[in-house]
Amino acid sequence: MKKLLIANWKMNLGFKKGANLASKFSNILKKSNKKDYIVLPSLQSIYYIKQKIKNKPLNLGAQDCSPFIKGAFTGDVSASMIKELGCKYVLIGHSERRLL
């Protein structure tokens, strides 16, 4: 089983600062069969950051995911939408989200 090294950025970085940080991370990381390096930026940043780190050993994930496939759930994002953005991971059940 691969080890996961995950950085959850929460609501701390916008897309430009997030992309710069992701680029710095991706430039120092070495591709590994034993580890996956993952960043969880804010949702609106994912696509922009993905463009900046193409072909790098850094994976993207989302910070939350709706339990619904589709429907009238304002502000929710489905797993298929997150996958469409190019994410391989999503953080589900974080303690902060459970409190809300």
PDB file of N, CA and C in Angstrom:
ATOM      1  N   MET A   1       0.831  -1.176   0.000  1.00  0.00           N
ATOM      2  CA  MET A   1       0.000   0.000   0.000  1.00  0.00           C
ATOM      3  C   MET A   1       0.882   1.248   0.000  1.00  0.00           C
ATOM      4  N   LYS A   2       0.551   2.210  -0.864  1.00  0.00           N
ATOM      5  CA  LYS A   2       1.312   3.457  -0.942  1.00  0.00           C
ATOM      6  C   LYS A   2       1.058   4.327   0.274  1.00  0.00           C
ATOM      7  N   LYS A   3       2.085   5.039   0.665  1.00  0.00           N
ATOM      8  CA  LYS A   3       1.939   6.058   1.701  1.00  0.00           C
ATOM      9  C   LYS A   3       1.458   7.341   1.031  1.00  0.00           C
ATOM     10  N   LEU A   4       0.609   8.081   1.734  1.00  0.00           N
ATOM     11  CA  LEU A   4       0.086   9.335   1.220  1.00  0.00           C
ATOM     12  C   LEU A   4       0.622  10.481   2.056  1.00  0.00           C
ATOM     13  N   LEU A   5       1.170  11.474   1.401  1.00  0.00           N
ATOM     14  CA  LEU A   5       1.601  12.695   2.061  1.00  0.00           C
ATOM     15  C   LEU A   5       0.669  13.793   1.550  1.00  0.00           C
ATOM     16  N   ILE A   6      -0.199  14.290   2.439  1.00  0.00           N
ATOM     17  CA  ILE A   6      -1.283  15.183   2.027  1.00  0.00           C
ATOM     18  C   ILE A   6      -1.159  16.531   2.715  1.00  0.00           C
ATOM     19  N   ALA A   7      -1.292  17.597   1.933  1.00  0.00           N
ATOM     20  CA  ALA A   7      -1.324  18.961   2.470  1.00  0.00           C
ATOM     21  C   ALA A   7      -2.700  19.557   2.184  1.00  0.00           C
ATOM     22  N   ASN A   8      -3.470  19.767   3.227  1.00  0.00           N
ATOM     23  CA  ASN A   8      -4.795  20.381   3.107  1.00  0.00           C
ATOM     24  C   ASN A   8      -4.643  21.885   3.328  1.00  0.00           C
ATOM     25  N   TRP A   9      -4.849  22.657   2.277  1.00  0.00           N
ATOM     26  CA  TRP A   9      -4.620  24.094   2.366  1.00  0.00           C
ATOM     27  C   TRP A   9      -5.786  24.862   2.967  1.00  0.00           C
ATOM     28  N   LYS A  10      -6.892  24.168   3.166  1.00  0.00           N
ATOM     29  CA  LYS A  10      -8.098  24.785   3.720  1.00  0.00           C
ATOM     30  C   LYS A  10      -8.439  26.037   2.923  1.00  0.00           C
ATOM     31  N   MET A  11      -8.734  27.146   3.571  1.00  0.00           N
ATOM     32  CA  MET A  11      -9.121  28.356   2.854  1.00  0.00           C
ATOM     33  C   MET A  11      -8.027  29.418   3.001  1.00  0.00           C
ATOM     34  N   ASN A  12      -6.776  28.987   2.820  1.00  0.00           N
ATOM     35  CA  ASN A  12      -5.648  29.879   3.093  1.00  0.00           C
ATOM     36  C   ASN A  12      -4.942  30.435   1.869  1.00  0.00           C
ATOM     37  N   LEU A  13      -5.075  29.807   0.724  1.00  0.00           N
ATOM     38  CA  LEU A  13      -4.347  30.289  -0.460  1.00  0.00           C
ATOM     39  C   LEU A  13      -5.300  30.436  -1.642  1.00  0.00           C
ATOM     40  N   GLY A  14      -5.187  31.564  -2.338  1.00  0.00           N
ATOM     41  CA  GLY A  14      -5.924  31.745  -3.582  1.00  0.00           C
ATOM     42  C   GLY A  14      -5.229  30.997  -4.699  1.00  0.00           C
ATOM     43  N   PHE A  15      -5.752  31.118  -5.915  1.00  0.00           N
ATOM     44  CA  PHE A  15      -5.199  30.292  -6.989  1.00  0.00           C
ATOM     45  C   PHE A  15      -3.799  30.693  -7.411  1.00  0.00           C
ATOM     46  N   LYS A  16      -3.440  31.969  -7.381  1.00  0.00           N
ATOM     47  CA  LYS A  16      -2.084  32.370  -7.796  1.00  0.00           C
ATOM     48  C   LYS A  16      -1.033  31.931  -6.780  1.00  0.00           C
ATOM     49  N   LYS A  17      -1.280  32.211  -5.508  1.00  0.00           N
ATOM     50  CA  LYS A  17      -0.322  31.791  -4.475  1.00  0.00           C
ATOM     51  C   LYS A  17      -0.296  30.271  -4.368  1.00  0.00           C
ATOM     52  N   GLY A  18      -1.448  29.648  -4.524  1.00  0.00           N
ATOM     53  CA  GLY A  18      -1.517  28.191  -4.495  1.00  0.00           C
ATOM     54  C   GLY A  18      -0.731  27.565  -5.631  1.00  0.00           C
ATOM     55  N   ALA A  19      -0.856  28.142  -6.822  1.00  0.00           N
ATOM     56  CA  ALA A  19      -0.123  27.622  -7.981  1.00  0.00           C
ATOM     57  C   ALA A  19       1.383  27.789  -7.789  1.00  0.00           C
ATOM     58  N   ASN A  20       1.792  28.908  -7.234  1.00  0.00           N
ATOM     59  CA  ASN A  20       3.222  29.122  -6.977  1.00  0.00           C
ATOM     60  C   ASN A  20       3.756  28.100  -5.977  1.00  0.00           C
ATOM     61  N   LEU A  21       3.003  27.869  -4.907  1.00  0.00           N
ATOM     62  CA  LEU A  21       3.433  26.897  -3.899  1.00  0.00           C
ATOM     63  C   LEU A  21       3.442  25.484  -4.475  1.00  0.00           C
ATOM     64  N   ALA A  22       2.428  25.134  -5.241  1.00  0.00           N
ATOM     65  CA  ALA A  22       2.371  23.808  -5.863  1.00  0.00           C
ATOM     66  C   ALA A  22       3.542  23.612  -6.818  1.00  0.00           C
ATOM     67  N   SER A  23       3.894  24.643  -7.568  1.00  0.00           N
ATOM     68  CA  SER A  23       5.046  24.554  -8.471  1.00  0.00           C
ATOM     69  C   SER A  23       6.334  24.312  -7.699  1.00  0.00           C
ATOM     70  N   LYS A  24       6.488  25.022  -6.581  1.00  0.00           N
ATOM     71  CA  LYS A  24       7.685  24.820  -5.754  1.00  0.00           C
ATOM     72  C   LYS A  24       7.731  23.393  -5.218  1.00  0.00           C
ATOM     73  N   PHE A  25       6.594  22.902  -4.702  1.00  0.00           N
ATOM     74  CA  PHE A  25       6.535  21.522  -4.223  1.00  0.00           C
ATOM     75  C   PHE A  25       6.910  20.553  -5.329  1.00  0.00           C
ATOM     76  N   SER A  26       6.269  20.713  -6.484  1.00  0.00           N
ATOM     77  CA  SER A  26       6.441  19.736  -7.557  1.00  0.00           C
ATOM     78  C   SER A  26       7.864  19.724  -8.104  1.00  0.00           C
ATOM     79  N   ASN A  27       8.561  20.840  -7.998  1.00  0.00           N
ATOM     80  CA  ASN A  27       9.940  20.896  -8.489  1.00  0.00           C
ATOM     81  C   ASN A  27      10.924  20.157  -7.587  1.00  0.00           C
ATOM     82  N   ILE A  28      10.585  19.985  -6.318  1.00  0.00           N
ATOM     83  CA  ILE A  28      11.520  19.307  -5.409  1.00  0.00           C
ATOM     84  C   ILE A  28      11.134  17.852  -5.136  1.00  0.00           C
ATOM     85  N   LEU A  29       9.937  17.458  -5.539  1.00  0.00           N
ATOM     86  CA  LEU A  29       9.494  16.081  -5.288  1.00  0.00           C
ATOM     87  C   LEU A  29      10.057  15.126  -6.328  1.00  0.00           C
ATOM     88  N   LYS A  30      10.359  13.947  -5.877  1.00  0.00           N
ATOM     89  CA  LYS A  30      10.833  12.884  -6.764  1.00  0.00           C
ATOM     90  C   LYS A  30       9.703  11.882  -6.965  1.00  0.00           C
ATOM     91  N   LYS A  31       9.514  11.432  -8.187  1.00  0.00           N
ATOM     92  CA  LYS A  31       8.496  10.427  -8.471  1.00  0.00           C
ATOM     93  C   LYS A  31       8.794   9.173  -7.661  1.00  0.00           C
ATOM     94  N   SER A  32       7.744   8.605  -7.060  1.00  0.00           N
ATOM     95  CA  SER A  32       7.928   7.452  -6.187  1.00  0.00           C
ATOM     96  C   SER A  32       6.822   6.434  -6.397  1.00  0.00           C
ATOM     97  N   ASN A  33       7.186   5.161  -6.351  1.00  0.00           N
ATOM     98  CA  ASN A  33       6.189   4.096  -6.414  1.00  0.00           C
ATOM     99  C   ASN A  33       5.652   3.768  -5.020  1.00  0.00           C
ATOM    100  N   LYS A  34       6.292   4.321  -3.992  1.00  0.00           N
ATOM    101  CA  LYS A  34       5.899   4.025  -2.616  1.00  0.00           C
ATOM    102  C   LYS A  34       5.070   5.124  -1.971  1.00  0.00           C
ATOM    103  N   LYS A  35       5.056   6.332  -2.568  1.00  0.00           N
ATOM    104  CA  LYS A  35       4.355   7.463  -1.973  1.00  0.00           C
ATOM    105  C   LYS A  35       3.572   8.226  -3.037  1.00  0.00           C
ATOM    106  N   ASP A  36       2.461   8.804  -2.618  1.00  0.00           N
ATOM    107  CA  ASP A  36       1.742   9.777  -3.436  1.00  0.00           C
ATOM    108  C   ASP A  36       1.751  11.101  -2.686  1.00  0.00           C
ATOM    109  N   TYR A  37       2.130  12.156  -3.379  1.00  0.00           N
ATOM    110  CA  TYR A  37       2.133  13.497  -2.816  1.00  0.00           C
ATOM    111  C   TYR A  37       0.870  14.196  -3.301  1.00  0.00           C
ATOM    112  N   ILE A  38       0.110  14.737  -2.355  1.00  0.00           N
ATOM    113  CA  ILE A  38      -1.204  15.276  -2.680  1.00  0.00           C
ATOM    114  C   ILE A  38      -1.376  16.639  -2.031  1.00  0.00           C
ATOM    115  N   VAL A  39      -1.905  17.593  -2.784  1.00  0.00           N
ATOM    116  CA  VAL A  39      -2.326  18.868  -2.206  1.00  0.00           C
ATOM    117  C   VAL A  39      -3.831  19.002  -2.393  1.00  0.00           C
ATOM    118  N   LEU A  40      -4.462  19.582  -1.386  1.00  0.00           N
ATOM    119  CA  LEU A  40      -5.901  19.816  -1.405  1.00  0.00           C
ATOM    120  C   LEU A  40      -6.127  21.323  -1.350  1.00  0.00           C
ATOM    121  N   PRO A  41      -6.071  21.986  -2.505  1.00  0.00           N
ATOM    122  CA  PRO A  41      -6.287  23.431  -2.528  1.00  0.00           C
ATOM    123  C   PRO A  41      -7.781  23.755  -2.484  1.00  0.00           C
ATOM    124  N   SER A  42      -8.092  25.027  -2.418  1.00  0.00           N
ATOM    125  CA  SER A  42      -9.494  25.428  -2.508  1.00  0.00           C
ATOM    126  C   SER A  42     -10.020  25.017  -3.885  1.00  0.00           C
ATOM    127  N   LEU A  43     -11.293  24.746  -3.948  1.00  0.00           N
ATOM    128  CA  LEU A  43     -11.882  24.174  -5.157  1.00  0.00           C
ATOM    129  C   LEU A  43     -11.650  25.033  -6.400  1.00  0.00           C
ATOM    130  N   GLN A  44     -11.808  26.353  -6.273  1.00  0.00           N
ATOM    131  CA  GLN A  44     -11.671  27.197  -7.457  1.00  0.00           C
ATOM    132  C   GLN A  44     -10.237  27.240  -7.982  1.00  0.00           C
ATOM    133  N   SER A  45      -9.287  26.769  -7.190  1.00  0.00           N
ATOM    134  CA  SER A  45      -7.881  26.791  -7.587  1.00  0.00           C
ATOM    135  C   SER A  45      -7.423  25.536  -8.314  1.00  0.00           C
ATOM    136  N   ILE A  46      -8.163  24.469  -8.190  1.00  0.00           N
ATOM    137  CA  ILE A  46      -7.693  23.165  -8.668  1.00  0.00           C
ATOM    138  C   ILE A  46      -7.322  23.178 -10.147  1.00  0.00           C
ATOM    139  N   TYR A  47      -8.198  23.656 -11.005  1.00  0.00           N
ATOM    140  CA  TYR A  47      -7.925  23.605 -12.442  1.00  0.00           C
ATOM    141  C   TYR A  47      -6.712  24.472 -12.805  1.00  0.00           C
ATOM    142  N   TYR A  48      -6.626  25.638 -12.221  1.00  0.00           N
ATOM    143  CA  TYR A  48      -5.503  26.545 -12.491  1.00  0.00           C
ATOM    144  C   TYR A  48      -4.186  25.900 -12.055  1.00  0.00           C
ATOM    145  N   ILE A  49      -4.181  25.323 -10.863  1.00  0.00           N
ATOM    146  CA  ILE A  49      -2.970  24.680 -10.361  1.00  0.00           C
ATOM    147  C   ILE A  49      -2.609  23.472 -11.224  1.00  0.00           C
ATOM    148  N   LYS A  50      -3.606  22.734 -11.644  1.00  0.00           N
ATOM    149  CA  LYS A  50      -3.364  21.567 -12.505  1.00  0.00           C
ATOM    150  C   LYS A  50      -2.592  21.972 -13.768  1.00  0.00           C
ATOM    151  N   GLN A  51      -2.938  23.119 -14.342  1.00  0.00           N
ATOM    152  CA  GLN A  51      -2.251  23.590 -15.543  1.00  0.00           C
ATOM    153  C   GLN A  51      -0.785  23.939 -15.263  1.00  0.00           C
ATOM    154  N   LYS A  52      -0.514  24.401 -14.058  1.00  0.00           N
ATOM    155  CA  LYS A  52       0.844  24.810 -13.691  1.00  0.00           C
ATOM    156  C   LYS A  52       1.766  23.636 -13.350  1.00  0.00           C
ATOM    157  N   ILE A  53       1.196  22.495 -12.963  1.00  0.00           N
ATOM    158  CA  ILE A  53       2.036  21.380 -12.512  1.00  0.00           C
ATOM    159  C   ILE A  53       1.925  20.155 -13.418  1.00  0.00           C
ATOM    160  N   LYS A  54       1.595  20.368 -14.664  1.00  0.00           N
ATOM    161  CA  LYS A  54       1.474  19.237 -15.599  1.00  0.00           C
ATOM    162  C   LYS A  54       2.725  18.377 -15.574  1.00  0.00           C
ATOM    163  N   ASN A  55       2.512  17.061 -15.632  1.00  0.00           N
ATOM    164  CA  ASN A  55       3.601  16.082 -15.697  1.00  0.00           C
ATOM    165  C   ASN A  55       4.554  16.135 -14.506  1.00  0.00           C
ATOM    166  N   LYS A  56       4.055  16.519 -13.365  1.00  0.00           N
ATOM    167  CA  LYS A  56       4.855  16.546 -12.135  1.00  0.00           C
ATOM    168  C   LYS A  56       4.316  15.481 -11.179  1.00  0.00           C
ATOM    169  N   PRO A  57       5.116  15.065 -10.207  1.00  0.00           N
ATOM    170  CA  PRO A  57       4.688  14.001  -9.290  1.00  0.00           C
ATOM    171  C   PRO A  57       3.786  14.493  -8.144  1.00  0.00           C
ATOM    172  N   LEU A  58       3.017  15.535  -8.383  1.00  0.00           N
ATOM    173  CA  LEU A  58       2.128  16.097  -7.373  1.00  0.00           C
ATOM    174  C   LEU A  58       0.688  15.879  -7.815  1.00  0.00           C
ATOM    175  N   ASN A  59      -0.100  15.249  -6.949  1.00  0.00           N
ATOM    176  CA  ASN A  59      -1.503  14.970  -7.247  1.00  0.00           C
ATOM    177  C   ASN A  59      -2.402  16.002  -6.590  1.00  0.00           C
ATOM    178  N   LEU A  60      -3.557  16.198  -7.179  1.00  0.00           N
ATOM    179  CA  LEU A  60      -4.523  17.144  -6.637  1.00  0.00           C
ATOM    180  C   LEU A  60      -5.727  16.416  -6.069  1.00  0.00           C
ATOM    181  N   GLY A  61      -6.296  17.013  -5.054  1.00  0.00           N
ATOM    182  CA  GLY A  61      -7.516  16.483  -4.469  1.00  0.00           C
ATOM    183  C   GLY A  61      -8.402  17.632  -4.024  1.00  0.00           C
ATOM    184  N   ALA A  62      -9.622  17.306  -3.679  1.00  0.00           N
ATOM    185  CA  ALA A  62     -10.585  18.296  -3.203  1.00  0.00           C
ATOM    186  C   ALA A  62     -10.736  18.164  -1.692  1.00  0.00           C
ATOM    187  N   GLN A  63     -11.167  19.249  -1.066  1.00  0.00           N
ATOM    188  CA  GLN A  63     -11.282  19.293   0.383  1.00  0.00           C
ATOM    189  C   GLN A  63     -12.596  18.716   0.901  1.00  0.00           C
ATOM    190  N   ASP A  64     -13.557  18.531   0.039  1.00  0.00           N
ATOM    191  CA  ASP A  64     -14.843  17.977   0.451  1.00  0.00           C
ATOM    192  C   ASP A  64     -15.584  17.519  -0.795  1.00  0.00           C
ATOM    193  N   CYS A  65     -16.638  16.769  -0.591  1.00  0.00           N
ATOM    194  CA  CYS A  65     -17.402  16.214  -1.701  1.00  0.00           C
ATOM    195  C   CYS A  65     -18.846  16.007  -1.245  1.00  0.00           C
ATOM    196  N   SER A  66     -19.764  16.313  -2.115  1.00  0.00           N
ATOM    197  CA  SER A  66     -21.174  16.091  -1.812  1.00  0.00           C
ATOM    198  C   SER A  66     -21.481  14.596  -1.797  1.00  0.00           C
ATOM    199  N   PRO A  67     -22.394  14.178  -0.935  1.00  0.00           N
ATOM    200  CA  PRO A  67     -22.808  12.779  -0.972  1.00  0.00           C
ATOM    201  C   PRO A  67     -23.790  12.494  -2.113  1.00  0.00           C
ATOM    202  N   PHE A  68     -24.210  13.541  -2.805  1.00  0.00           N
ATOM    203  CA  PHE A  68     -25.201  13.402  -3.874  1.00  0.00           C
ATOM    204  C   PHE A  68     -24.533  13.391  -5.242  1.00  0.00           C
ATOM    205  N   ILE A  69     -25.102  12.652  -6.178  1.00  0.00           N
ATOM    206  CA  ILE A  69     -24.575  12.564  -7.535  1.00  0.00           C
ATOM    207  C   ILE A  69     -24.905  13.822  -8.323  1.00  0.00           C
ATOM    208  N   LYS A  70     -26.130  14.309  -8.166  1.00  0.00           N
ATOM    209  CA  LYS A  70     -26.552  15.550  -8.808  1.00  0.00           C
ATOM    210  C   LYS A  70     -27.835  16.019  -8.131  1.00  0.00           C
ATOM    211  N   GLY A  71     -28.244  17.223  -8.468  1.00  0.00           N
ATOM    212  CA  GLY A  71     -29.493  17.728  -7.909  1.00  0.00           C
ATOM    213  C   GLY A  71     -29.370  19.163  -7.437  1.00  0.00           C
ATOM    214  N   ALA A  72     -30.410  19.639  -6.794  1.00  0.00           N
ATOM    215  CA  ALA A  72     -30.503  21.025  -6.332  1.00  0.00           C
ATOM    216  C   ALA A  72     -29.854  21.161  -4.955  1.00  0.00           C
ATOM    217  N   PHE A  73     -28.527  21.090  -4.938  1.00  0.00           N
ATOM    218  CA  PHE A  73     -27.764  21.204  -3.696  1.00  0.00           C
ATOM    219  C   PHE A  73     -26.767  22.347  -3.861  1.00  0.00           C
ATOM    220  N   THR A  74     -27.254  23.560  -3.687  1.00  0.00           N
ATOM    221  CA  THR A  74     -26.470  24.766  -3.928  1.00  0.00           C
ATOM    222  C   THR A  74     -25.130  24.728  -3.192  1.00  0.00           C
ATOM    223  N   GLY A  75     -24.070  24.962  -3.937  1.00  0.00           N
ATOM    224  CA  GLY A  75     -22.727  25.009  -3.375  1.00  0.00           C
ATOM    225  C   GLY A  75     -22.034  23.665  -3.257  1.00  0.00           C
ATOM    226  N   ASP A  76     -22.769  22.579  -3.395  1.00  0.00           N
ATOM    227  CA  ASP A  76     -22.146  21.253  -3.327  1.00  0.00           C
ATOM    228  C   ASP A  76     -21.436  20.918  -4.637  1.00  0.00           C
ATOM    229  N   VAL A  77     -20.470  20.029  -4.556  1.00  0.00           N
ATOM    230  CA  VAL A  77     -19.745  19.551  -5.730  1.00  0.00           C
ATOM    231  C   VAL A  77     -19.705  18.030  -5.661  1.00  0.00           C
ATOM    232  N   SER A  78     -20.125  17.391  -6.726  1.00  0.00           N
ATOM    233  CA  SER A  78     -20.191  15.930  -6.739  1.00  0.00           C
ATOM    234  C   SER A  78     -18.814  15.315  -7.005  1.00  0.00           C
ATOM    235  N   ALA A  79     -18.705  14.036  -6.697  1.00  0.00           N
ATOM    236  CA  ALA A  79     -17.458  13.316  -6.942  1.00  0.00           C
ATOM    237  C   ALA A  79     -17.093  13.318  -8.423  1.00  0.00           C
ATOM    238  N   SER A  80     -18.097  13.179  -9.296  1.00  0.00           N
ATOM    239  CA  SER A  80     -17.799  13.170 -10.736  1.00  0.00           C
ATOM    240  C   SER A  80     -17.289  14.529 -11.201  1.00  0.00           C
ATOM    241  N   MET A  81     -17.794  15.611 -10.618  1.00  0.00           N
ATOM    242  CA  MET A  81     -17.294  16.948 -10.970  1.00  0.00           C
ATOM    243  C   MET A  81     -15.847  17.126 -10.525  1.00  0.00           C
ATOM    244  N   ILE A  82     -15.534  16.603  -9.358  1.00  0.00           N
ATOM    245  CA  ILE A  82     -14.168  16.682  -8.842  1.00  0.00           C
ATOM    246  C   ILE A  82     -13.228  15.852  -9.713  1.00  0.00           C
ATOM    247  N   LYS A  83     -13.680  14.699 -10.126  1.00  0.00           N
ATOM    248  CA  LYS A  83     -12.872  13.851 -11.011  1.00  0.00           C
ATOM    249  C   LYS A  83     -12.636  14.548 -12.352  1.00  0.00           C
ATOM    250  N   GLU A  84     -13.668  15.239 -12.860  1.00  0.00           N
ATOM    251  CA  GLU A  84     -13.534  15.981 -14.117  1.00  0.00           C
ATOM    252  C   GLU A  84     -12.450  17.048 -14.053  1.00  0.00           C
ATOM    253  N   LEU A  85     -12.239  17.609 -12.856  1.00  0.00           N
ATOM    254  CA  LEU A  85     -11.189  18.609 -12.668  1.00  0.00           C
ATOM    255  C   LEU A  85      -9.791  17.991 -12.718  1.00  0.00           C
ATOM    256  N   GLY A  86      -9.732  16.669 -12.627  1.00  0.00           N
ATOM    257  CA  GLY A  86      -8.442  15.992 -12.662  1.00  0.00           C
ATOM    258  C   GLY A  86      -7.965  15.519 -11.306  1.00  0.00           C
ATOM    259  N   CYS A  87      -8.841  15.530 -10.322  1.00  0.00           N
ATOM    260  CA  CYS A  87      -8.468  15.092  -8.972  1.00  0.00           C
ATOM    261  C   CYS A  87      -8.566  13.584  -8.843  1.00  0.00           C
ATOM    262  N   LYS A  88      -7.606  13.024  -8.129  1.00  0.00           N
ATOM    263  CA  LYS A  88      -7.617  11.592  -7.823  1.00  0.00           C
ATOM    264  C   LYS A  88      -8.056  11.341  -6.385  1.00  0.00           C
ATOM    265  N   TYR A  89      -8.107  12.402  -5.572  1.00  0.00           N
ATOM    266  CA  TYR A  89      -8.383  12.253  -4.154  1.00  0.00           C
ATOM    267  C   TYR A  89      -9.404  13.295  -3.689  1.00  0.00           C
ATOM    268  N   VAL A  90     -10.086  12.953  -2.600  1.00  0.00           N
ATOM    269  CA  VAL A  90     -10.972  13.907  -1.937  1.00  0.00           C
ATOM    270  C   VAL A  90     -10.975  13.585  -0.447  1.00  0.00           C
ATOM    271  N   LEU A  91     -10.962  14.613   0.363  1.00  0.00           N
ATOM    272  CA  LEU A  91     -11.007  14.458   1.810  1.00  0.00           C
ATOM    273  C   LEU A  91     -12.470  14.463   2.239  1.00  0.00           C
ATOM    274  N   ILE A  92     -12.913  13.362   2.799  1.00  0.00           N
ATOM    275  CA  ILE A  92     -14.312  13.227   3.216  1.00  0.00           C
ATOM    276  C   ILE A  92     -14.355  12.999   4.719  1.00  0.00           C
ATOM    277  N   GLY A  93     -15.270  13.690   5.383  1.00  0.00           N
ATOM    278  CA  GLY A  93     -15.478  13.467   6.803  1.00  0.00           C
ATOM    279  C   GLY A  93     -14.511  14.199   7.708  1.00  0.00           C
ATOM    280  N   HIS A  94     -13.887  15.272   7.224  1.00  0.00           N
ATOM    281  CA  HIS A  94     -12.986  16.048   8.069  1.00  0.00           C
ATOM    282  C   HIS A  94     -13.772  16.595   9.255  1.00  0.00           C
ATOM    283  N   SER A  95     -13.155  16.651  10.403  1.00  0.00           N
ATOM    284  CA  SER A  95     -13.853  17.056  11.631  1.00  0.00           C
ATOM    285  C   SER A  95     -14.492  18.431  11.507  1.00  0.00           C
ATOM    286  N   GLU A  96     -13.849  19.362  10.818  1.00  0.00           N
ATOM    287  CA  GLU A  96     -14.447  20.695  10.634  1.00  0.00           C
ATOM    288  C   GLU A  96     -15.749  20.612   9.839  1.00  0.00           C
ATOM    289  N   ARG A  97     -15.789  19.787   8.835  1.00  0.00           N
ATOM    290  CA  ARG A  97     -16.994  19.649   8.015  1.00  0.00           C
ATOM    291  C   ARG A  97     -18.112  18.956   8.795  1.00  0.00           C
ATOM    292  N   ARG A  98     -17.757  18.003   9.615  1.00  0.00           N
ATOM    293  CA  ARG A  98     -18.773  17.303  10.407  1.00  0.00           C
ATOM    294  C   ARG A  98     -19.447  18.243  11.400  1.00  0.00           C
ATOM    295  N   LEU A  99     -18.682  19.207  11.927  1.00  0.00           N
ATOM    296  CA  LEU A  99     -19.253  20.168  12.874  1.00  0.00           C
ATOM    297  C   LEU A  99     -20.254  21.092  12.204  1.00  0.00           C
ATOM    298  N   LEU A 100     -20.038  21.365  10.918  1.00  0.00           N
ATOM    299  CA  LEU A 100     -20.926  22.263  10.188  1.00  0.00           C
ATOM    300  C   LEU A 100     -22.146  21.509   9.711  1.00  0.00           C
TER     301      LEU A 100
END
